Amino acid sequence: MPAAQALAAVLALHPCKVPGIDAELKCGAYSVPENRDQPDAGGRKLTLNVLVLPSRSPEPAPDPFFVVSFGGPGATNSDQAPHVWAQWWRDERDVVMVDLRGTGGSNRLDCPLTPADRRPEAALETLFPQEKIRRCRRALEKVADLTRYTTAAAIDDLDEIRAAMGYDQINLWGGSWGTRAALIYLRRHPEHVRAAILEGTAPMSFKNPLPHARSAQGALDGLFKECEEQPSCRAAFPALRQEFAALMERLRKAPAKVTIKDPATGKKVPVELTWQRFAEVLRVLTYRFPAQRSVPRLLHLAATGDLAPFAQTAADTNRDFRAGLRLGLLLSVTCTEDLSRILPGEIERETAGTYLGDSRVREQQAACAIWPRGALEPGYAEPVRSDVPAFVLSGTLDPVTPPSLGEETVRTLSRSVHVVAPGGHVPGGPCIDSMEKAFLKAASPDAVDQRCVKEMKLPPIEVSGVPGSP
């Protein structure tokens, strides 16, 4: 049976419209057992949303482009459909987007909101306050077995959908945590992968969030160095490192009182900025452009007494960032697969001398002490070894998956190329697109011409809005 007929028959695809896309797509749903170890036991079923974005080509290639995940864990793939619609990914292939278990529909593992969660200050709070996690567990375990939401289960769901659609081979794309999921796909179902693109790679050794502090410190140090080498930035902020150190010291002694805008009313409201809140939102601000380009200016203003611009930018960025994550899934995955592997003494060693310190990993560790934990398969942390062609992308100023992790990943991918490009978490642009297109067309790292990377330039660091600056 042709793939299109199999797809329509098994998944019952139907024409649909998606907000942000002025074209007809195909939507469907596929049912999988929550407990994949006992699929016929009559347990809970999960309905996974399936979205197909048709290729621009009148004769698409037979191997479609499967989006594994945009990250988290906890991102809902279909939320990114308008972004994907504009990508080159559709040039020669249909793009298939599946909302992985726990991220969409009736099995979406969102923590229930309370009035406290809607306060403007909530956007600046740390991610795992204990009472919130207890409340979330009580709500979600009524509708889900939280031990069954693992990466392996999600990947087996995805491969089952591949088979139901009649595809023998597919191409994988994963970003951030999605690279971990794609690597597990390569481990569990290698014969069905033609090629894989991994952007911002988290290898199997990565114990989320243990490396966050060291990686975030490295990205901030790189940003400080860039400022020192950029004449306009150096002139505007000649003592940025010292200002930042003094600011952190003040915040450690006492929280700062600042005002931010309530998005619901537009009115200014007072909030408290502890050093832990400050450090965590700073880490998020360094993820992507253009926010990252404003960090030196915001830190300088904060150090000289005006914390409001930093707090407002951080609250807005954090609000958007968290809206895209299903926190219950994030905990089910990381508590089972990451924090369970942290060894005694590692936290102290890996966080010493960093501005974030051990605050994030300790808080998430405490959350995992409350959260149900699934079974970790033997050999989970072993590197994924594969001869499937792979394109691995890293950003020079990535605060979460730095180039060293990409380099580690490709050591056991025998037909891979590692591209390190100027940028933060998952760089982009015409140069990146051209390399990935050439790679996917040939399914070979040999097709990647990296010469354009040398021409890529980071946009200048912002200095406007600072007294005395140009």
Protein backbone atom coordinates (compact mmCIF):
# COMPACT_ATOMS: atom_id res chain seq x y z
CA MET A 1 0.00 0.00 0.00
CA PRO A 2 1.43 3.46 -0.85
CA ALA A 3 2.50 5.49 2.17
CA ALA A 4 -0.21 8.11 1.69
CA GLN A 5 -2.95 5.44 1.64
CA ALA A 6 -1.54 3.72 4.71
CA LEU A 7 -1.38 7.02 6.52
CA ALA A 8 -4.97 7.91 5.72
CA ALA A 9 -6.19 4.43 6.66
CA VAL A 10 -4.37 3.98 9.96
CA LEU A 11 -4.22 7.54 11.24
CA ALA A 12 -7.43 8.82 9.65
CA LEU A 13 -5.83 12.06 8.54
CA HIS A 14 -8.12 14.89 7.64
CA PRO A 15 -7.63 18.36 6.18
CA CYS A 16 -7.07 20.97 8.85
CA LYS A 17 -5.98 24.52 9.49
CA VAL A 18 -3.47 25.60 12.10
CA PRO A 19 -3.25 29.14 13.49
CA GLY A 20 -0.44 31.03 11.84
CA ILE A 21 -0.46 28.98 8.61
CA ASP A 22 -2.62 30.07 5.71
CA ALA A 23 -2.74 26.69 4.02
CA GLU A 24 -4.37 23.31 4.38
CA LEU A 25 -2.46 20.72 6.39
CA LYS A 26 -3.22 17.17 7.44
CA CYS A 27 -4.12 16.34 11.02
CA GLY A 28 -4.74 13.06 12.75
CA ALA A 29 -4.46 11.12 15.97
CA TYR A 30 -2.84 7.85 16.96
CA SER A 31 -3.49 5.80 20.09
CA VAL A 32 -0.71 4.14 22.09
CA PRO A 33 -0.71 2.31 25.44
CA GLU A 34 0.52 4.37 28.38
CA ASN A 35 2.29 1.25 29.66
CA ARG A 36 4.25 -0.03 26.69
CA ASP A 37 5.51 -2.99 28.76
CA GLN A 38 1.95 -4.34 28.89
CA PRO A 39 0.29 -3.01 25.72
CA ASP A 40 -2.56 -5.54 25.76
CA ALA A 41 -3.43 -5.33 29.45
CA GLY A 42 -6.34 -2.99 28.90
CA GLY A 43 -4.67 -0.04 30.60
CA ARG A 44 -4.86 3.67 29.83
CA LYS A 45 -4.51 4.73 26.20
CA LEU A 46 -2.85 7.96 25.07
CA THR A 47 -3.98 9.80 21.96
CA LEU A 48 -1.06 11.50 20.22
CA ASN A 49 -1.63 14.39 17.84
CA VAL A 50 -0.07 13.98 14.38
CA LEU A 51 0.46 16.92 12.04
CA VAL A 52 1.75 16.64 8.47
CA LEU A 53 3.09 19.73 6.71
CA PRO A 54 3.12 19.01 2.97
CA SER A 55 6.29 19.44 0.96
CA ARG A 56 6.72 22.33 -1.45
CA SER A 57 7.79 19.76 -4.04
CA PRO A 58 5.14 18.21 -6.30
CA GLU A 59 7.04 14.91 -5.93
CA PRO A 60 8.26 14.69 -2.33
CA ALA A 61 11.09 12.34 -1.40
CA PRO A 62 9.85 9.03 0.04
CA ASP A 63 11.62 9.58 3.38
CA PRO A 64 9.91 12.40 5.30
CA PHE A 65 11.40 14.79 7.82
CA PHE A 66 10.34 13.84 11.36
CA VAL A 67 10.57 16.50 14.06
CA VAL A 68 11.50 14.60 17.24
CA SER A 69 11.33 17.46 19.74
CA PHE A 70 12.17 21.12 20.14
CA GLY A 71 13.48 20.50 23.64
CA GLY A 72 12.67 20.77 27.29
CA PRO A 73 11.86 17.97 27.84
CA GLY A 74 8.27 19.11 27.65
CA ALA A 75 7.94 21.13 24.43
CA THR A 76 4.79 20.55 22.37
CA ASN A 77 5.92 20.05 18.77
CA SER A 78 2.74 21.24 17.08
CA ASP A 79 3.09 24.62 18.81
CA GLN A 80 6.03 25.24 16.49
CA ALA A 81 4.14 24.48 13.26
CA PRO A 82 4.17 28.11 11.98
CA HIS A 83 7.94 28.23 12.52
CA VAL A 84 8.46 24.91 10.73
CA TRP A 85 6.18 25.96 7.87
CA ALA A 86 8.69 28.65 6.89
CA GLN A 87 11.73 26.37 7.09
CA TRP A 88 13.62 24.81 4.21
CA TRP A 89 12.70 21.42 5.70
CA ARG A 90 9.62 21.28 3.44
CA ASP A 91 11.55 21.91 0.21
CA GLU A 92 11.81 18.24 -0.79
CA ARG A 93 9.96 16.34 1.93
CA ASP A 94 6.79 16.24 3.94
CA VAL A 95 7.37 17.22 7.55
CA VAL A 96 5.76 15.07 10.25
CA MET A 97 5.22 16.54 13.71
CA VAL A 98 3.97 14.32 16.54
CA ASP A 99 3.12 15.66 19.97
CA LEU A 100 5.08 13.23 22.12
CA ARG A 101 3.40 11.57 25.10
CA GLY A 102 2.82 14.03 27.91
CA THR A 103 2.96 17.13 25.67
CA GLY A 104 -0.41 17.41 23.97
CA GLY A 105 -4.07 16.55 23.97
CA SER A 106 -5.62 14.70 26.89
CA ASN A 107 -2.25 13.43 28.18
CA ARG A 108 -0.62 16.87 28.45
CA LEU A 109 1.26 16.93 31.76
CA ASP A 110 0.81 20.57 32.75
CA CYS A 111 0.93 21.48 36.41
CA PRO A 112 -2.38 23.14 37.39
CA LEU A 113 -2.17 26.88 37.90
CA THR A 114 -3.25 28.65 41.07
CA PRO A 115 -3.85 32.38 41.60
CA ALA A 116 -0.30 32.55 42.98
CA ASP A 117 1.08 31.26 39.68
CA ARG A 118 -0.59 34.15 37.84
CA ARG A 119 1.11 36.86 39.90
CA PRO A 120 3.63 38.94 37.90
CA GLU A 121 6.32 37.84 40.35
CA ALA A 122 5.78 34.19 39.41
CA ALA A 123 7.69 34.73 36.17
CA LEU A 124 10.82 35.47 38.22
CA GLU A 125 10.48 32.61 40.68
CA THR A 126 12.58 29.49 40.42
CA LEU A 127 11.06 26.53 38.60
CA PHE A 128 10.59 23.89 41.31
CA PRO A 129 9.22 25.25 44.60
CA GLN A 130 8.32 22.20 46.68
CA GLU A 131 4.68 22.99 47.41
CA LYS A 132 4.06 23.56 43.70
CA ILE A 133 5.62 20.19 42.86
CA ARG A 134 3.58 18.37 45.52
CA ARG A 135 0.39 19.98 44.22
CA CYS A 136 1.33 19.08 40.65
CA ARG A 137 1.97 15.44 41.53
CA ARG A 138 -1.34 15.13 43.37
CA ALA A 139 -3.22 16.48 40.35
CA LEU A 140 -1.40 14.59 37.59
CA GLU A 141 -1.17 11.15 39.18
CA LYS A 142 -4.97 11.04 39.13
CA VAL A 143 -4.87 10.97 35.32
CA ALA A 144 -1.45 9.50 34.50
CA ASP A 145 1.08 6.93 35.64
CA LEU A 146 3.96 9.38 35.89
CA THR A 147 6.55 6.59 35.74
CA ARG A 148 5.57 5.80 32.15
CA TYR A 149 6.57 9.11 30.58
CA THR A 150 10.14 8.33 29.58
CA THR A 151 12.16 9.15 26.49
CA ALA A 152 12.31 5.51 25.42
CA ALA A 153 8.51 5.17 25.60
CA ALA A 154 8.06 8.38 23.59
CA ILE A 155 10.53 7.20 20.96
CA ASP A 156 8.84 3.80 20.64
CA ASP A 157 5.53 5.67 20.18
CA LEU A 158 7.13 7.71 17.43
CA ASP A 159 8.55 4.70 15.64
CA GLU A 160 5.17 2.98 15.83
CA ILE A 161 3.64 6.00 14.12
CA ARG A 162 6.38 5.84 11.47
CA ALA A 163 5.43 2.25 10.77
CA ALA A 164 1.71 3.04 10.73
CA MET A 165 2.36 5.72 8.15
CA GLY A 166 4.04 3.19 5.90
CA TYR A 167 7.51 4.73 5.95
CA ASP A 168 10.54 2.46 5.98
CA GLN A 169 13.07 5.21 6.57
CA ILE A 170 12.77 8.74 7.92
CA ASN A 171 15.05 11.68 8.64
CA LEU A 172 15.24 12.98 12.19
CA TRP A 173 15.59 16.50 13.54
CA GLY A 174 16.06 17.25 17.23
CA GLY A 175 16.91 20.43 19.10
CA SER A 176 18.26 20.68 22.67
CA TRP A 177 16.65 17.81 24.66
CA GLY A 178 15.25 16.67 21.32
CA THR A 179 18.79 15.62 20.40
CA ARG A 180 18.80 13.22 23.36
CA ALA A 181 15.50 11.80 22.12
CA ALA A 182 16.90 11.50 18.58
CA LEU A 183 20.00 9.70 19.88
CA ILE A 184 17.77 7.22 21.70
CA TYR A 185 15.86 6.71 18.42
CA LEU A 186 19.21 5.93 16.75
CA ARG A 187 19.93 3.42 19.50
CA ARG A 188 16.52 1.70 19.45
CA HIS A 189 15.52 1.92 15.77
CA PRO A 190 18.65 2.62 13.69
CA GLU A 191 17.48 0.71 10.62
CA HIS A 192 14.68 3.21 10.07
CA VAL A 193 16.81 6.38 10.09
CA ARG A 194 18.29 7.71 6.86
CA ALA A 195 19.95 10.78 8.43
CA ALA A 196 19.77 12.89 11.57
CA ILE A 197 20.24 16.59 12.31
CA LEU A 198 21.07 17.37 15.95
CA GLU A 199 21.12 21.00 17.09
CA GLY A 200 22.40 21.89 20.57
CA THR A 201 23.31 18.34 21.51
CA ALA A 202 22.83 16.64 24.89
CA PRO A 203 24.81 13.37 24.77
CA MET A 204 23.94 10.42 26.97
CA SER A 205 26.49 11.48 29.60
CA PHE A 206 24.59 14.74 30.15
CA LYS A 207 22.83 14.73 33.54
CA ASN A 208 20.25 17.48 33.27
CA PRO A 209 20.58 20.00 35.00
CA LEU A 210 24.00 19.20 36.55
CA PRO A 211 26.07 20.88 33.77
CA HIS A 212 23.91 24.02 33.63
CA ALA A 213 26.01 26.03 36.08
CA ARG A 214 29.35 25.36 34.36
CA SER A 215 27.95 25.86 30.85
CA ALA A 216 26.13 29.06 31.81
CA GLN A 217 29.30 30.42 33.40
CA GLY A 218 31.26 29.62 30.25
CA ALA A 219 28.73 31.40 28.05
CA LEU A 220 28.73 34.48 30.30
CA ASP A 221 32.53 34.56 30.40
CA GLY A 222 32.52 34.37 26.60
CA LEU A 223 30.07 37.25 26.44
CA PHE A 224 32.24 39.33 28.79
CA LYS A 225 35.29 38.60 26.63
CA GLU A 226 33.39 39.61 23.50
CA CYS A 227 32.39 42.88 25.19
CA GLU A 228 36.01 43.59 26.07
CA GLU A 229 36.98 43.06 22.43
CA GLN A 230 34.16 45.23 21.00
CA PRO A 231 35.23 48.91 21.24
CA SER A 232 31.74 50.32 21.80
CA CYS A 233 30.93 47.74 24.50
CA ARG A 234 34.30 48.14 26.21
CA ALA A 235 33.84 51.91 26.29
CA ALA A 236 30.29 51.67 27.67
CA PHE A 237 31.02 48.94 30.24
CA PRO A 238 34.76 49.04 31.07
CA ALA A 239 34.39 47.17 34.38
CA LEU A 240 31.59 44.73 33.57
CA ARG A 241 33.11 41.66 35.25
CA GLN A 242 33.75 43.55 38.46
CA GLU A 243 30.28 45.11 38.39
CA PHE A 244 28.68 41.71 37.98
CA ALA A 245 30.66 40.21 40.85
CA ALA A 246 29.70 43.09 43.15
CA LEU A 247 26.05 42.83 42.10
CA MET A 248 25.92 39.10 42.89
CA GLU A 249 27.53 39.74 46.26
CA ARG A 250 24.89 42.34 47.13
CA LEU A 251 22.06 40.03 46.06
CA ARG A 252 23.48 37.18 48.14
CA LYS A 253 23.39 39.45 51.18
CA ALA A 254 19.85 40.71 50.60
CA PRO A 255 17.17 40.42 47.87
CA ALA A 256 16.51 43.48 45.73
CA LYS A 257 13.15 45.22 45.57
CA VAL A 258 12.18 46.12 41.99
CA THR A 259 9.05 46.86 39.99
CA ILE A 260 7.83 45.16 36.83
CA LYS A 261 4.75 45.54 34.68
CA ASP A 262 1.77 43.30 35.33
CA PRO A 263 0.95 41.90 31.85
CA ALA A 264 -2.73 41.65 32.78
CA THR A 265 -3.21 45.25 33.97
CA GLY A 266 -0.22 47.13 32.61
CA LYS A 267 0.43 48.53 36.09
CA LYS A 268 3.80 48.48 37.84
CA VAL A 269 3.98 46.05 40.77
CA PRO A 270 6.74 45.44 43.33
CA VAL A 271 8.63 42.13 43.22
CA GLU A 272 11.56 40.62 45.09
CA LEU A 273 14.66 39.46 43.25
CA THR A 274 16.76 36.97 45.23
CA TRP A 275 20.19 35.94 44.00
CA GLN A 276 18.84 32.52 43.01
CA ARG A 277 16.06 34.06 40.93
CA PHE A 278 18.50 36.51 39.38
CA ALA A 279 20.99 33.79 38.46
CA GLU A 280 18.40 31.48 36.90
CA VAL A 281 16.74 34.15 34.78
CA LEU A 282 20.18 35.41 33.69
CA ARG A 283 20.93 31.90 32.43
CA VAL A 284 17.73 31.90 30.39
CA LEU A 285 18.47 35.39 28.99
CA THR A 286 21.74 34.10 27.53
CA TYR A 287 20.03 31.33 25.51
CA ARG A 288 19.10 33.17 22.33
CA PHE A 289 19.35 36.39 20.39
CA PRO A 290 18.35 39.18 20.59
CA ALA A 291 17.97 38.88 24.38
CA GLN A 292 21.56 37.70 24.82
CA ARG A 293 22.88 40.84 23.10
CA SER A 294 21.24 43.00 25.77
CA VAL A 295 22.73 41.16 28.77
CA PRO A 296 25.85 43.37 29.29
CA ARG A 297 23.72 46.53 29.21
CA LEU A 298 21.15 45.05 31.59
CA LEU A 299 23.86 43.88 34.00
CA HIS A 300 25.54 47.28 33.96
CA LEU A 301 22.28 49.04 34.72
CA ALA A 302 21.52 46.56 37.49
CA ALA A 303 24.98 46.98 39.02
CA THR A 304 24.61 50.76 39.04
CA GLY A 305 21.29 50.56 40.86
CA ASP A 306 18.62 50.18 38.18
CA LEU A 307 17.44 46.55 38.32
CA ALA A 308 14.05 47.23 36.73
CA PRO A 309 15.14 46.78 33.05
CA PHE A 310 16.78 43.44 33.88
CA ALA A 311 13.80 42.25 35.90
CA GLN A 312 11.27 43.25 33.23
CA THR A 313 13.22 41.63 30.37
CA ALA A 314 13.80 38.51 32.46
CA ALA A 315 10.13 38.22 33.44
CA ASP A 316 8.94 38.57 29.84
CA THR A 317 11.52 36.06 28.56
CA ASN A 318 10.88 33.57 31.36
CA ARG A 319 7.10 33.77 30.89
CA ASP A 320 7.42 32.83 27.22
CA PHE A 321 10.04 30.18 27.93
CA ARG A 322 7.97 28.39 30.57
CA ALA A 323 4.71 28.60 28.63
CA GLY A 324 6.24 26.19 26.12
CA LEU A 325 7.09 23.47 28.67
CA ARG A 326 4.94 20.75 30.19
CA LEU A 327 6.52 20.74 33.64
CA GLY A 328 5.11 17.34 34.63
CA LEU A 329 6.81 15.67 31.66
CA LEU A 330 10.05 17.50 32.36
CA LEU A 331 10.07 16.02 35.86
CA SER A 332 9.07 12.51 34.77
CA VAL A 333 11.91 12.41 32.25
CA THR A 334 14.69 14.14 34.18
CA CYS A 335 13.99 12.53 37.55
CA THR A 336 14.23 9.08 35.97
CA GLU A 337 16.94 9.63 33.38
CA ASP A 338 19.17 12.41 34.66
CA LEU A 339 19.06 13.27 38.34
CA SER A 340 18.99 9.59 39.29
CA ARG A 341 22.50 9.30 37.80
CA ILE A 342 24.11 12.17 39.76
CA LEU A 343 26.77 10.74 42.06
CA PRO A 344 27.81 11.94 45.53
CA GLY A 345 30.22 14.85 45.27
CA GLU A 346 29.39 15.67 41.66
CA ILE A 347 27.21 18.66 42.45
CA GLU A 348 29.91 20.38 44.50
CA ARG A 349 32.56 19.69 41.89
CA GLU A 350 30.52 20.69 38.84
CA THR A 351 29.03 23.91 40.25
CA ALA A 352 31.96 25.37 42.22
CA GLY A 353 33.02 28.85 41.12
CA THR A 354 29.93 29.53 39.01
CA TYR A 355 27.41 32.34 39.36
CA LEU A 356 24.50 29.86 39.36
CA GLY A 357 26.12 27.68 41.99
CA ASP A 358 24.26 24.57 43.08
CA SER A 359 20.87 26.29 43.46
CA ARG A 360 19.19 24.92 40.32
CA VAL A 361 20.38 21.34 40.61
CA ARG A 362 19.63 21.19 44.36
CA GLU A 363 16.10 22.50 43.84
CA GLN A 364 15.41 20.06 41.01
CA GLN A 365 16.90 17.24 43.07
CA ALA A 366 14.48 18.09 45.88
CA ALA A 367 11.60 18.10 43.39
CA CYS A 368 12.62 14.63 42.20
CA ALA A 369 12.53 13.37 45.77
CA ILE A 370 8.79 14.09 45.61
CA TRP A 371 8.17 12.91 42.04
CA PRO A 372 7.53 9.27 40.96
CA ARG A 373 10.48 7.74 39.18
CA GLY A 374 10.36 5.27 36.31
CA ALA A 375 12.79 2.47 35.47
CA LEU A 376 16.11 3.41 33.90
CA GLU A 377 17.12 0.90 31.26
CA PRO A 378 20.55 -0.79 31.67
CA GLY A 379 23.33 0.95 29.79
CA TYR A 380 21.34 4.17 29.43
CA ALA A 381 24.38 6.43 29.87
CA GLU A 382 26.54 4.58 27.33
CA PRO A 383 27.37 6.68 24.24
CA VAL A 384 25.13 6.05 21.24
CA ARG A 385 27.23 4.37 18.54
CA SER A 386 25.87 4.65 15.04
CA ASP A 387 26.90 4.83 11.41
CA VAL A 388 23.74 6.75 10.43
CA PRO A 389 24.82 10.06 8.83
CA ALA A 390 24.53 12.87 11.39
CA PHE A 391 24.89 16.65 11.29
CA VAL A 392 25.69 18.05 14.75
CA LEU A 393 25.43 21.80 15.39
CA SER A 394 26.80 23.77 18.35
CA GLY A 395 26.83 27.48 19.24
CA THR A 396 29.95 29.22 20.49
CA LEU A 397 28.07 30.97 23.33
CA ASP A 398 25.59 28.23 24.21
CA PRO A 399 24.82 28.35 27.97
CA VAL A 400 23.33 24.84 28.14
CA THR A 401 24.81 22.58 25.41
CA PRO A 402 28.26 24.02 24.62
CA PRO A 403 30.47 22.80 21.75
CA SER A 404 32.27 20.33 24.02
CA LEU A 405 29.07 18.27 24.19
CA GLY A 406 28.74 18.24 20.41
CA GLU A 407 32.33 17.10 20.14
CA GLU A 408 31.64 14.30 22.62
CA THR A 409 28.57 13.22 20.63
CA VAL A 410 30.32 12.83 17.28
CA ARG A 411 33.08 10.63 18.68
CA THR A 412 30.77 7.63 18.47
CA LEU A 413 28.85 8.66 15.34
CA SER A 414 31.14 7.33 12.64
CA ARG A 415 29.55 9.26 9.75
CA SER A 416 29.06 12.66 11.33
CA VAL A 417 30.14 16.27 11.05
CA HIS A 418 30.27 18.76 13.92
CA VAL A 419 29.70 22.39 13.01
CA VAL A 420 30.49 25.06 15.61
CA ALA A 421 28.94 28.38 14.59
CA PRO A 422 28.78 31.81 16.22
CA GLY A 423 25.64 32.00 18.34
CA GLY A 424 23.84 30.94 21.47
CA HIS A 425 21.64 27.89 22.01
CA VAL A 426 21.04 26.51 18.47
CA PRO A 427 22.40 29.12 16.01
CA GLY A 428 20.59 29.74 12.74
CA GLY A 429 20.75 31.67 9.49
CA PRO A 430 21.42 31.14 5.77
CA CYS A 431 24.82 29.53 6.31
CA ILE A 432 23.41 26.91 8.68
CA ASP A 433 20.47 26.28 6.35
CA SER A 434 22.75 25.75 3.34
CA MET A 435 24.89 23.21 5.17
CA GLU A 436 21.95 21.27 6.56
CA LYS A 437 20.21 21.21 3.15
CA ALA A 438 23.32 19.85 1.47
CA PHE A 439 23.77 17.27 4.22
CA LEU A 440 20.18 16.05 4.04
CA LYS A 441 20.10 15.90 0.26
CA ALA A 442 23.17 13.64 0.13
CA ALA A 443 22.70 11.99 3.55
CA SER A 444 26.42 12.44 3.95
CA PRO A 445 28.68 14.61 6.10
CA ASP A 446 30.99 14.88 3.09
CA ALA A 447 28.46 17.19 1.44
CA VAL A 448 28.83 19.83 4.15
CA ASP A 449 30.90 22.86 3.14
CA GLN A 450 31.73 24.81 6.29
CA ARG A 451 33.49 27.74 4.62
CA CYS A 452 30.51 30.04 5.16
CA VAL A 453 30.84 29.65 8.94
CA LYS A 454 33.97 31.82 8.82
CA GLU A 455 31.84 34.63 7.39
CA MET A 456 29.19 34.42 10.13
CA LYS A 457 29.33 37.34 12.56
CA LEU A 458 27.55 37.88 15.83
CA PRO A 459 25.46 41.04 15.91
CA PRO A 460 27.08 43.74 18.06
CA ILE A 461 26.33 43.83 21.76
CA GLU A 462 23.75 46.47 22.62
CA VAL A 463 25.00 49.56 24.42
CA SER A 464 22.15 51.99 23.73
CA GLY A 465 20.03 53.16 26.63
CA VAL A 466 23.04 53.53 28.94
CA PRO A 467 23.93 57.03 30.16
CA GLY A 468 26.99 58.24 28.32
CA SER A 469 26.78 55.59 25.57
CA PRO A 470 26.45 56.43 21.84
